[in-house]
Amino acid sequence: VKESLQSFQNASNVPMIFGVDEEGGTVVRVSSNPLIADHKFQSPQTVYAQGGMSAIIEDTKEKSQLLLSLGIHLNLAPVADVSFQETDFIYDRTFGQDAESTADYISTVVTTMNEEGISSTLKHFPGHGDTADDSHNGYASSYKTMEELEQCEFLPFYAGIQSNAAFVMMGHISLPNVLDDETPASLSYEIVTEILREKLQFNGIIITDALNMGAIAQNYSSGEAAVMAVEAGGGRLFASSASRFQNSI
């Protein structure tokens, strides 16, 4: 893995971004391989239950150091969704507590990752929250109003933004009580640009969740979805975020 990634870097005239999902718990793309790691990283809920926020910090350091040792400079984590009900689709991947506690967790993880020299990704904006639907399989809708989102779902994302998270990943979440139609947030100019960019003042790199997931693939062609994502404001690189990411490489 190290040799392959380094060979790609050597062949490129500009530094390449290598990213991976290493959240801990059910999503462990690297530590699930026993040839790379001697144990799988545990979920944030498990780590916190065992040792509080100090354990979260140590877990984040270990995770970051493993990825960096392989030549991976971007972790598609932490999960900033607020969920404290086991019936929620995203629950097992979250911190599992209220918005304020989740915001504290996100701030701690992002700060620690920055100190270790690895870039973080806040996901899945504007928040899977209390939806039981899995956007991998089809439409996932949150029926919260903008006021409810601002008072809950947005808090961890704003905490991560204030802590200088490099990336935000858009979720394929429809917001019937916010938008006029069922357009997923990931393809919505109102959510990506007017809310995330302008209102929450995120000037880093915006990416979407996978465009082959059911919420997208069942309703849009791949080309159509890609164009809509860019037109919504995804993928735009600002000078400050470019500098921050360059420093981590």
C-alpha atoms as a PDB file:
ATOM      1  CA  VAL A   1       0.000   0.000   0.000  1.00  0.00           C
ATOM      2  CA  LYS A   2       2.746   2.446   0.939  1.00  0.00           C
ATOM      3  CA  GLU A   3       4.731   1.765  -2.238  1.00  0.00           C
ATOM      4  CA  SER A   4       1.669   2.038  -4.479  1.00  0.00           C
ATOM      5  CA  LEU A   5       0.506   5.332  -3.030  1.00  0.00           C
ATOM      6  CA  GLN A   6       4.007   6.781  -3.096  1.00  0.00           C
ATOM      7  CA  SER A   7       4.442   5.754  -6.726  1.00  0.00           C
ATOM      8  CA  PHE A   8       1.282   7.682  -7.590  1.00  0.00           C
ATOM      9  CA  GLN A   9       2.567  10.746  -5.745  1.00  0.00           C
ATOM     10  CA  ASN A  10       5.907  10.493  -7.533  1.00  0.00           C
ATOM     11  CA  ALA A  11       4.161  10.394 -10.909  1.00  0.00           C
ATOM     12  CA  SER A  12       2.018  13.460 -10.223  1.00  0.00           C
ATOM     13  CA  ASN A  13       3.079  17.066 -10.772  1.00  0.00           C
ATOM     14  CA  VAL A  14       0.819  18.180  -7.908  1.00  0.00           C
ATOM     15  CA  PRO A  15       0.214  16.484  -4.538  1.00  0.00           C
ATOM     16  CA  MET A  16      -2.575  13.909  -4.799  1.00  0.00           C
ATOM     17  CA  ILE A  17      -5.351  13.556  -2.240  1.00  0.00           C
ATOM     18  CA  PHE A  18      -5.719  10.028  -0.904  1.00  0.00           C
ATOM     19  CA  GLY A  19      -8.715   9.614   1.363  1.00  0.00           C
ATOM     20  CA  VAL A  20     -10.381   6.747   3.153  1.00  0.00           C
ATOM     21  CA  ASP A  21     -13.351   6.069   5.435  1.00  0.00           C
ATOM     22  CA  GLU A  22     -11.871   5.175   8.798  1.00  0.00           C
ATOM     23  CA  GLU A  23     -14.612   6.203  11.213  1.00  0.00           C
ATOM     24  CA  GLY A  24     -14.268   3.363  13.696  1.00  0.00           C
ATOM     25  CA  GLY A  25     -16.958   0.769  14.390  1.00  0.00           C
ATOM     26  CA  THR A  26     -18.871  -0.428  11.337  1.00  0.00           C
ATOM     27  CA  VAL A  27     -16.909   1.679   8.823  1.00  0.00           C
ATOM     28  CA  VAL A  28     -13.209   0.771   8.962  1.00  0.00           C
ATOM     29  CA  ARG A  29     -11.746   0.528   5.449  1.00  0.00           C
ATOM     30  CA  VAL A  30      -8.149   0.272   6.647  1.00  0.00           C
ATOM     31  CA  SER A  31      -8.066  -1.259  10.128  1.00  0.00           C
ATOM     32  CA  SER A  32     -10.381  -4.075   9.019  1.00  0.00           C
ATOM     33  CA  ASN A  33      -7.381  -5.529   7.171  1.00  0.00           C
ATOM     34  CA  PRO A  34      -5.223  -7.568   9.613  1.00  0.00           C
ATOM     35  CA  LEU A  35      -2.220  -7.181   7.311  1.00  0.00           C
ATOM     36  CA  ILE A  36      -2.305  -3.425   7.950  1.00  0.00           C
ATOM     37  CA  ALA A  37      -3.577  -3.067  11.522  1.00  0.00           C
ATOM     38  CA  ASP A  38      -3.524  -5.365  14.535  1.00  0.00           C
ATOM     39  CA  HIS A  39      -7.044  -4.335  15.572  1.00  0.00           C
ATOM     40  CA  LYS A  40     -10.135  -2.649  14.196  1.00  0.00           C
ATOM     41  CA  PHE A  41     -10.840   0.820  15.510  1.00  0.00           C
ATOM     42  CA  GLN A  42     -13.930   0.899  17.698  1.00  0.00           C
ATOM     43  CA  SER A  43     -16.947   3.151  17.295  1.00  0.00           C
ATOM     44  CA  PRO A  44     -16.925   6.615  18.910  1.00  0.00           C
ATOM     45  CA  GLN A  45     -19.641   5.500  21.320  1.00  0.00           C
ATOM     46  CA  THR A  46     -17.583   2.524  22.496  1.00  0.00           C
ATOM     47  CA  VAL A  47     -14.361   4.511  22.823  1.00  0.00           C
ATOM     48  CA  TYR A  48     -16.078   7.261  24.807  1.00  0.00           C
ATOM     49  CA  ALA A  49     -17.798   4.755  27.101  1.00  0.00           C
ATOM     50  CA  GLN A  50     -14.428   3.194  27.906  1.00  0.00           C
ATOM     51  CA  GLY A  51     -12.474   6.336  28.644  1.00  0.00           C
ATOM     52  CA  GLY A  52     -14.302   9.574  27.980  1.00  0.00           C
ATOM     53  CA  MET A  53     -12.929  12.354  25.807  1.00  0.00           C
ATOM     54  CA  SER A  54      -9.315  11.527  26.643  1.00  0.00           C
ATOM     55  CA  ALA A  55      -9.857   8.102  25.051  1.00  0.00           C
ATOM     56  CA  ILE A  56     -11.367   9.800  21.999  1.00  0.00           C
ATOM     57  CA  ILE A  57      -8.225  11.912  21.654  1.00  0.00           C
ATOM     58  CA  GLU A  58      -5.897   8.911  21.922  1.00  0.00           C
ATOM     59  CA  ASP A  59      -8.014   6.919  19.475  1.00  0.00           C
ATOM     60  CA  THR A  60      -7.946   9.812  17.001  1.00  0.00           C
ATOM     61  CA  LYS A  61      -4.174  10.118  17.300  1.00  0.00           C
ATOM     62  CA  GLU A  62      -3.622   6.395  16.712  1.00  0.00           C
ATOM     63  CA  LYS A  63      -6.001   6.364  13.766  1.00  0.00           C
ATOM     64  CA  SER A  64      -4.398   9.416  12.193  1.00  0.00           C
ATOM     65  CA  GLN A  65      -0.872   8.110  12.616  1.00  0.00           C
ATOM     66  CA  LEU A  66      -1.756   4.795  10.960  1.00  0.00           C
ATOM     67  CA  LEU A  67      -3.281   6.509   7.927  1.00  0.00           C
ATOM     68  CA  LEU A  68      -0.401   8.945   7.582  1.00  0.00           C
ATOM     69  CA  SER A  69       2.103   6.090   7.762  1.00  0.00           C
ATOM     70  CA  LEU A  70       0.463   4.632   4.661  1.00  0.00           C
ATOM     71  CA  GLY A  71       0.496   7.899   2.741  1.00  0.00           C
ATOM     72  CA  ILE A  72      -3.171   8.758   3.351  1.00  0.00           C
ATOM     73  CA  HIS A  73      -3.670  12.414   4.243  1.00  0.00           C
ATOM     74  CA  LEU A  74      -7.479  12.627   4.404  1.00  0.00           C
ATOM     75  CA  ASN A  75      -9.859  10.713   6.637  1.00  0.00           C
ATOM     76  CA  LEU A  76     -13.522  10.850   5.610  1.00  0.00           C
ATOM     77  CA  ALA A  77     -14.451  11.285   9.267  1.00  0.00           C
ATOM     78  CA  PRO A  78     -15.694  12.255  11.826  1.00  0.00           C
ATOM     79  CA  VAL A  79     -19.446  11.672  11.560  1.00  0.00           C
ATOM     80  CA  ALA A  80     -21.135  14.893  12.707  1.00  0.00           C
ATOM     81  CA  ASP A  81     -24.722  13.634  12.451  1.00  0.00           C
ATOM     82  CA  VAL A  82     -26.730  14.028  15.646  1.00  0.00           C
ATOM     83  CA  SER A  83     -28.441  10.795  16.633  1.00  0.00           C
ATOM     84  CA  PHE A  84     -29.374   9.369  20.003  1.00  0.00           C
ATOM     85  CA  GLN A  85     -32.074   6.885  18.986  1.00  0.00           C
ATOM     86  CA  GLU A  86     -31.141   3.345  17.998  1.00  0.00           C
ATOM     87  CA  THR A  87     -33.879   3.359  15.354  1.00  0.00           C
ATOM     88  CA  ASP A  88     -31.998   6.014  13.363  1.00  0.00           C
ATOM     89  CA  PHE A  89     -30.152   4.649  10.345  1.00  0.00           C
ATOM     90  CA  ILE A  90     -26.958   6.511  11.202  1.00  0.00           C
ATOM     91  CA  TYR A  91     -27.014   5.908  14.981  1.00  0.00           C
ATOM     92  CA  ASP A  92     -24.237   3.290  15.238  1.00  0.00           C
ATOM     93  CA  ARG A  93     -21.811   5.552  13.376  1.00  0.00           C
ATOM     94  CA  THR A  94     -22.424   8.654  15.488  1.00  0.00           C
ATOM     95  CA  PHE A  95     -21.363   9.877  18.912  1.00  0.00           C
ATOM     96  CA  GLY A  96     -24.848   8.868  20.050  1.00  0.00           C
ATOM     97  CA  GLN A  97     -25.557  11.939  22.199  1.00  0.00           C
ATOM     98  CA  ASP A  98     -27.308  15.301  21.921  1.00  0.00           C
ATOM     99  CA  ALA A  99     -26.230  18.162  19.657  1.00  0.00           C
ATOM    100  CA  GLU A 100     -24.127  19.997  22.245  1.00  0.00           C
ATOM    101  CA  SER A 101     -22.225  16.855  23.265  1.00  0.00           C
ATOM    102  CA  THR A 102     -21.748  15.861  19.637  1.00  0.00           C
ATOM    103  CA  ALA A 103     -20.419  19.352  18.866  1.00  0.00           C
ATOM    104  CA  ASP A 104     -17.858  18.994  21.671  1.00  0.00           C
ATOM    105  CA  TYR A 105     -16.839  15.587  20.299  1.00  0.00           C
ATOM    106  CA  ILE A 106     -16.466  16.950  16.753  1.00  0.00           C
ATOM    107  CA  SER A 107     -14.398  19.920  17.900  1.00  0.00           C
ATOM    108  CA  THR A 108     -12.083  17.615  19.871  1.00  0.00           C
ATOM    109  CA  VAL A 109     -11.586  15.167  16.996  1.00  0.00           C
ATOM    110  CA  VAL A 110     -11.005  17.829  14.330  1.00  0.00           C
ATOM    111  CA  THR A 111      -8.548  19.710  16.549  1.00  0.00           C
ATOM    112  CA  THR A 112      -6.642  16.499  17.285  1.00  0.00           C
ATOM    113  CA  MET A 113      -6.535  15.540  13.600  1.00  0.00           C
ATOM    114  CA  ASN A 114      -5.187  18.975  12.704  1.00  0.00           C
ATOM    115  CA  GLU A 115      -2.482  18.606  15.340  1.00  0.00           C
ATOM    116  CA  GLU A 116      -1.535  15.227  13.867  1.00  0.00           C
ATOM    117  CA  GLY A 117      -1.332  16.689  10.354  1.00  0.00           C
ATOM    118  CA  ILE A 118      -4.244  14.855   8.732  1.00  0.00           C
ATOM    119  CA  SER A 119      -7.311  16.412   7.100  1.00  0.00           C
ATOM    120  CA  SER A 120     -10.813  15.726   8.414  1.00  0.00           C
ATOM    121  CA  THR A 121     -14.252  15.497   6.811  1.00  0.00           C
ATOM    122  CA  LEU A 122     -17.475  16.498   8.545  1.00  0.00           C
ATOM    123  CA  LYS A 123     -20.344  14.334   7.335  1.00  0.00           C
ATOM    124  CA  HIS A 124     -23.158  14.107   6.308  1.00  0.00           C
ATOM    125  CA  PHE A 125     -24.386  17.706   5.986  1.00  0.00           C
ATOM    126  CA  PRO A 126     -27.057  18.895   6.744  1.00  0.00           C
ATOM    127  CA  GLY A 127     -27.363  15.894   9.062  1.00  0.00           C
ATOM    128  CA  HIS A 128     -28.968  12.476   8.742  1.00  0.00           C
ATOM    129  CA  GLY A 129     -30.321  13.052  12.224  1.00  0.00           C
ATOM    130  CA  ASP A 130     -33.419  11.134  13.151  1.00  0.00           C
ATOM    131  CA  THR A 131     -34.242   9.645   9.748  1.00  0.00           C
ATOM    132  CA  ALA A 132     -34.614   5.881   9.688  1.00  0.00           C
ATOM    133  CA  ASP A 133     -34.106   5.774   5.911  1.00  0.00           C
ATOM    134  CA  ASP A 134     -30.819   4.642   4.371  1.00  0.00           C
ATOM    135  CA  SER A 135     -29.774   6.881   1.476  1.00  0.00           C
ATOM    136  CA  HIS A 136     -27.691   3.990   0.121  1.00  0.00           C
ATOM    137  CA  ASN A 137     -30.971   2.342  -0.871  1.00  0.00           C
ATOM    138  CA  GLY A 138     -33.252   5.246  -1.831  1.00  0.00           C
ATOM    139  CA  TYR A 139     -34.667   8.552  -0.703  1.00  0.00           C
ATOM    140  CA  ALA A 140     -33.888   9.585   2.868  1.00  0.00           C
ATOM    141  CA  SER A 141     -35.921  12.502   4.193  1.00  0.00           C
ATOM    142  CA  SER A 142     -35.637  14.706   7.251  1.00  0.00           C
ATOM    143  CA  TYR A 143     -38.839  16.580   8.046  1.00  0.00           C
ATOM    144  CA  LYS A 144     -37.228  19.143  10.314  1.00  0.00           C
ATOM    145  CA  THR A 145     -37.678  22.844   9.672  1.00  0.00           C
ATOM    146  CA  MET A 146     -34.746  25.191   9.117  1.00  0.00           C
ATOM    147  CA  GLU A 147     -35.131  26.448  12.684  1.00  0.00           C
ATOM    148  CA  GLU A 148     -34.924  22.887  14.025  1.00  0.00           C
ATOM    149  CA  LEU A 149     -31.855  22.177  11.909  1.00  0.00           C
ATOM    150  CA  GLU A 150     -30.161  25.320  13.182  1.00  0.00           C
ATOM    151  CA  GLN A 151     -30.874  24.397  16.799  1.00  0.00           C
ATOM    152  CA  CYS A 152     -29.677  20.802  16.482  1.00  0.00           C
ATOM    153  CA  GLU A 153     -28.131  19.304  13.323  1.00  0.00           C
ATOM    154  CA  PHE A 154     -25.993  22.323  12.402  1.00  0.00           C
ATOM    155  CA  LEU A 155     -24.275  22.657  15.794  1.00  0.00           C
ATOM    156  CA  PRO A 156     -21.654  19.887  15.366  1.00  0.00           C
ATOM    157  CA  PHE A 157     -20.907  20.996  11.805  1.00  0.00           C
ATOM    158  CA  TYR A 158     -20.396  24.579  12.922  1.00  0.00           C
ATOM    159  CA  ALA A 159     -18.135  23.374  15.745  1.00  0.00           C
ATOM    160  CA  GLY A 160     -16.055  21.449  13.212  1.00  0.00           C
ATOM    161  CA  ILE A 161     -15.911  24.428  10.866  1.00  0.00           C
ATOM    162  CA  GLN A 162     -14.734  26.648  13.726  1.00  0.00           C
ATOM    163  CA  SER A 163     -12.046  24.043  14.464  1.00  0.00           C
ATOM    164  CA  ASN A 164     -10.800  24.275  10.852  1.00  0.00           C
ATOM    165  CA  ALA A 165     -12.096  21.052   9.331  1.00  0.00           C
ATOM    166  CA  ALA A 166     -10.780  20.825   5.754  1.00  0.00           C
ATOM    167  CA  PHE A 167     -13.733  19.044   4.100  1.00  0.00           C
ATOM    168  CA  VAL A 168     -17.487  18.736   4.466  1.00  0.00           C
ATOM    169  CA  MET A 169     -19.343  15.840   2.847  1.00  0.00           C
ATOM    170  CA  MET A 170     -22.892  16.494   1.679  1.00  0.00           C
ATOM    171  CA  GLY A 171     -25.503  13.848   2.459  1.00  0.00           C
ATOM    172  CA  HIS A 172     -28.199  12.767   0.012  1.00  0.00           C
ATOM    173  CA  ILE A 173     -30.935  13.919   2.389  1.00  0.00           C
ATOM    174  CA  SER A 174     -34.189  15.468   1.209  1.00  0.00           C
ATOM    175  CA  LEU A 175     -35.676  18.280   3.305  1.00  0.00           C
ATOM    176  CA  PRO A 176     -39.384  18.616   2.416  1.00  0.00           C
ATOM    177  CA  ASN A 177     -39.978  21.331   5.026  1.00  0.00           C
ATOM    178  CA  VAL A 178     -37.032  23.422   3.838  1.00  0.00           C
ATOM    179  CA  LEU A 179     -36.835  22.956   0.071  1.00  0.00           C
ATOM    180  CA  ASP A 180     -39.713  23.235  -2.391  1.00  0.00           C
ATOM    181  CA  ASP A 181     -39.088  19.772  -3.829  1.00  0.00           C
ATOM    182  CA  GLU A 182     -37.351  16.484  -2.997  1.00  0.00           C
ATOM    183  CA  THR A 183     -33.949  17.513  -4.340  1.00  0.00           C
ATOM    184  CA  PRO A 184     -31.298  15.933  -2.090  1.00  0.00           C
ATOM    185  CA  ALA A 185     -29.249  18.426  -0.097  1.00  0.00           C
ATOM    186  CA  SER A 186     -26.122  17.320  -1.953  1.00  0.00           C
ATOM    187  CA  LEU A 187     -27.542  18.715  -5.212  1.00  0.00           C
ATOM    188  CA  SER A 188     -29.175  21.827  -3.759  1.00  0.00           C
ATOM    189  CA  TYR A 189     -27.645  25.296  -4.288  1.00  0.00           C
ATOM    190  CA  GLU A 190     -29.683  26.562  -1.343  1.00  0.00           C
ATOM    191  CA  ILE A 191     -28.185  24.006   1.050  1.00  0.00           C
ATOM    192  CA  VAL A 192     -24.630  23.788  -0.313  1.00  0.00           C
ATOM    193  CA  THR A 193     -23.952  27.432  -1.088  1.00  0.00           C
ATOM    194  CA  GLU A 194     -26.520  29.578   0.727  1.00  0.00           C
ATOM    195  CA  ILE A 195     -26.469  27.560   3.963  1.00  0.00           C
ATOM    196  CA  LEU A 196     -23.099  25.782   4.249  1.00  0.00           C
ATOM    197  CA  ARG A 197     -20.931  28.315   2.407  1.00  0.00           C
ATOM    198  CA  GLU A 198     -22.586  31.596   3.276  1.00  0.00           C
ATOM    199  CA  LYS A 199     -24.484  31.062   6.514  1.00  0.00           C
ATOM    200  CA  LEU A 200     -22.101  28.656   8.269  1.00  0.00           C
ATOM    201  CA  GLN A 201     -19.098  30.295   6.561  1.00  0.00           C
ATOM    202  CA  PHE A 202     -17.362  27.102   5.511  1.00  0.00           C
ATOM    203  CA  ASN A 203     -14.545  27.958   3.101  1.00  0.00           C
ATOM    204  CA  GLY A 204     -13.016  24.509   2.771  1.00  0.00           C
ATOM    205  CA  ILE A 205     -13.671  21.769   0.227  1.00  0.00           C
ATOM    206  CA  ILE A 206     -17.211  20.459  -0.244  1.00  0.00           C
ATOM    207  CA  ILE A 207     -17.704  16.944  -1.579  1.00  0.00           C
ATOM    208  CA  THR A 208     -20.770  14.728  -1.894  1.00  0.00           C
ATOM    209  CA  ASP A 209     -21.441  11.275  -0.598  1.00  0.00           C
ATOM    210  CA  ALA A 210     -21.121   8.631  -3.334  1.00  0.00           C
ATOM    211  CA  LEU A 211     -23.209   9.515  -6.386  1.00  0.00           C
ATOM    212  CA  ASN A 212     -24.017   5.855  -7.060  1.00  0.00           C
ATOM    213  CA  MET A 213     -26.076   5.566  -3.874  1.00  0.00           C
ATOM    214  CA  GLY A 214     -29.778   4.797  -4.251  1.00  0.00           C
ATOM    215  CA  ALA A 215     -31.027   8.268  -3.326  1.00  0.00           C
ATOM    216  CA  ILE A 216     -29.200   9.580  -6.405  1.00  0.00           C
ATOM    217  CA  ALA A 217     -28.928   6.660  -8.825  1.00  0.00           C
ATOM    218  CA  GLN A 218     -32.658   5.871  -8.709  1.00  0.00           C
ATOM    219  CA  ASN A 219     -33.626   9.423  -9.631  1.00  0.00           C
ATOM    220  CA  TYR A 220     -30.810  10.964 -11.685  1.00  0.00           C
ATOM    221  CA  SER A 221     -28.359   9.876 -14.345  1.00  0.00           C
ATOM    222  CA  SER A 222     -24.731   9.899 -13.198  1.00  0.00           C
ATOM    223  CA  GLY A 223     -23.898  12.826 -15.479  1.00  0.00           C
ATOM    224  CA  GLU A 224     -26.916  14.840 -14.400  1.00  0.00           C
ATOM    225  CA  ALA A 225     -26.137  14.336 -10.714  1.00  0.00           C
ATOM    226  CA  ALA A 226     -22.479  15.285 -11.154  1.00  0.00           C
ATOM    227  CA  VAL A 227     -23.372  18.531 -12.935  1.00  0.00           C
ATOM    228  CA  MET A 228     -26.005  19.408 -10.323  1.00  0.00           C
ATOM    229  CA  ALA A 229     -23.514  18.779  -7.507  1.00  0.00           C
ATOM    230  CA  VAL A 230     -20.986  21.173  -9.050  1.00  0.00           C
ATOM    231  CA  GLU A 231     -23.641  23.787  -9.831  1.00  0.00           C
ATOM    232  CA  ALA A 232     -24.833  23.569  -6.237  1.00  0.00           C
ATOM    233  CA  GLY A 233     -21.361  24.639  -5.114  1.00  0.00           C
ATOM    234  CA  GLY A 234     -19.583  21.351  -4.414  1.00  0.00           C
ATOM    235  CA  GLY A 235     -15.916  20.893  -5.212  1.00  0.00           C
ATOM    236  CA  ARG A 236     -14.968  24.555  -5.172  1.00  0.00           C
ATOM    237  CA  LEU A 237     -11.510  25.067  -3.736  1.00  0.00           C
ATOM    238  CA  PHE A 238     -10.825  28.241  -1.769  1.00  0.00           C
ATOM    239  CA  ALA A 239      -7.327  29.570  -1.158  1.00  0.00           C
ATOM    240  CA  SER A 240      -7.464  29.108   2.612  1.00  0.00           C
ATOM    241  CA  SER A 241      -8.518  25.463   2.387  1.00  0.00           C
ATOM    242  CA  ALA A 242      -5.937  24.770  -0.337  1.00  0.00           C
ATOM    243  CA  SER A 243      -3.215  26.152   1.894  1.00  0.00           C
ATOM    244  CA  ARG A 244      -4.453  24.183   4.898  1.00  0.00           C
ATOM    245  CA  PHE A 245      -4.508  20.922   2.955  1.00  0.00           C
ATOM    246  CA  GLN A 246      -1.118  21.598   1.352  1.00  0.00           C
ATOM    247  CA  ASN A 247       0.360  22.020   4.822  1.00  0.00           C
ATOM    248  CA  SER A 248      -0.941  18.609   5.883  1.00  0.00           C
ATOM    249  CA  ILE A 249       0.790  16.979   2.899  1.00  0.00           C
END
